[in-house]
Every structure is written in C-alpha cells, then in structure tokens.
Amino acid sequence: MSEMKDMATETRRLNHICAEMSLPNDLLKEALEKITKAVSNVHDGHERSRTT
C-alpha cells in the first residue's frame, strides 16, 4: 500500500512539473502566432502599395 502512495505522490509531482513546463511553451506559441500575424499584415500592406 505504501508503494501505491509513493507512486501517486510521484505522479502528482511529475504532473506539476509538466504543467509548469507547458505554460511557458504555450506563451511562446501565442507570441509567435502574434508576431507571424503582424509580419503577414505588414507584408500584405507592402504588396498592396506596390500594385497600385
């Protein structure tokens, strides 16, 4: 029974570590999406000005 408690404790600890690591990853993905969208908008604006 003690072994199961130890495993449950370790599982909680690992889940906590995983959650801590995924938050910065999600923030980086969100920032990259915003940057990509901004660059795309700038690129599209330049393309329009060249064709007119």
C-alpha atoms as a PDB file:
ATOM      1  CA  MET A   1       0.000   0.000   0.000  1.00  0.00           C
ATOM      2  CA  SER A   2       2.872   2.367   0.778  1.00  0.00           C
ATOM      3  CA  GLU A   3       4.278   1.773  -2.690  1.00  0.00           C
ATOM      4  CA  MET A   4       0.997   2.897  -4.284  1.00  0.00           C
ATOM      5  CA  LYS A   5       1.020   6.086  -2.196  1.00  0.00           C
ATOM      6  CA  ASP A   6       4.592   6.748  -3.274  1.00  0.00           C
ATOM      7  CA  MET A   7       3.634   6.258  -6.895  1.00  0.00           C
ATOM      8  CA  ALA A   8       0.639   8.582  -6.533  1.00  0.00           C
ATOM      9  CA  THR A   9       2.846  11.220  -4.938  1.00  0.00           C
ATOM     10  CA  GLU A  10       5.403  10.885  -7.740  1.00  0.00           C
ATOM     11  CA  THR A  11       2.650  11.112 -10.359  1.00  0.00           C
ATOM     12  CA  ARG A  12       1.352  14.346  -8.812  1.00  0.00           C
ATOM     13  CA  ARG A  13       4.881  15.743  -8.703  1.00  0.00           C
ATOM     14  CA  LEU A  14       5.506  14.881 -12.349  1.00  0.00           C
ATOM     15  CA  ASN A  15       2.149  16.298 -13.421  1.00  0.00           C
ATOM     16  CA  HIS A  16       3.016  19.529 -11.621  1.00  0.00           C
ATOM     17  CA  ILE A  17       6.391  19.712 -13.386  1.00  0.00           C
ATOM     18  CA  CYS A  18       4.727  19.066 -16.737  1.00  0.00           C
ATOM     19  CA  ALA A  19       2.186  21.839 -16.136  1.00  0.00           C
ATOM     20  CA  GLU A  20       4.946  24.262 -15.156  1.00  0.00           C
ATOM     21  CA  MET A  21       6.862  23.471 -18.332  1.00  0.00           C
ATOM     22  CA  SER A  22       3.891  23.707 -20.676  1.00  0.00           C
ATOM     23  CA  LEU A  23       2.841  27.201 -19.561  1.00  0.00           C
ATOM     24  CA  PRO A  24       5.926  28.974 -20.961  1.00  0.00           C
ATOM     25  CA  ASN A  25       5.629  26.838 -24.094  1.00  0.00           C
ATOM     26  CA  ASP A  26       2.021  27.965 -24.586  1.00  0.00           C
ATOM     27  CA  LEU A  27       3.033  31.592 -24.054  1.00  0.00           C
ATOM     28  CA  LEU A  28       5.815  31.274 -26.620  1.00  0.00           C
ATOM     29  CA  LYS A  29       3.430  29.730 -29.152  1.00  0.00           C
ATOM     30  CA  GLU A  30       0.945  32.566 -28.608  1.00  0.00           C
ATOM     31  CA  ALA A  31       3.662  35.201 -29.017  1.00  0.00           C
ATOM     32  CA  LEU A  32       4.929  33.535 -32.197  1.00  0.00           C
ATOM     33  CA  GLU A  33       1.406  33.491 -33.650  1.00  0.00           C
ATOM     34  CA  LYS A  34       1.013  37.219 -32.936  1.00  0.00           C
ATOM     35  CA  ILE A  35       4.391  38.033 -34.483  1.00  0.00           C
ATOM     36  CA  THR A  36       3.633  35.913 -37.548  1.00  0.00           C
ATOM     37  CA  LYS A  37       0.285  37.629 -37.993  1.00  0.00           C
ATOM     38  CA  ALA A  38       1.860  41.084 -37.634  1.00  0.00           C
ATOM     39  CA  VAL A  39       4.579  40.265 -40.173  1.00  0.00           C
ATOM     40  CA  SER A  40       1.981  38.886 -42.547  1.00  0.00           C
ATOM     41  CA  ASN A  41      -0.095  42.067 -42.214  1.00  0.00           C
ATOM     42  CA  VAL A  42       2.955  44.242 -42.920  1.00  0.00           C
ATOM     43  CA  HIS A  43       3.872  42.072 -45.907  1.00  0.00           C
ATOM     44  CA  ASP A  44       0.318  42.269 -47.278  1.00  0.00           C
ATOM     45  CA  GLY A  45       0.316  46.047 -46.863  1.00  0.00           C
ATOM     46  CA  HIS A  46       3.557  46.383 -48.844  1.00  0.00           C
ATOM     47  CA  GLU A  47       2.221  44.166 -51.588  1.00  0.00           C
ATOM     48  CA  ARG A  48      -0.886  46.345 -51.992  1.00  0.00           C
ATOM     49  CA  SER A  49       1.120  49.560 -52.152  1.00  0.00           C
ATOM     50  CA  ARG A  50       3.377  48.145 -54.893  1.00  0.00           C
ATOM     51  CA  THR A  51       0.482  47.095 -57.117  1.00  0.00           C
ATOM     52  CA  THR A  52      -1.312  50.454 -57.014  1.00  0.00           C
END
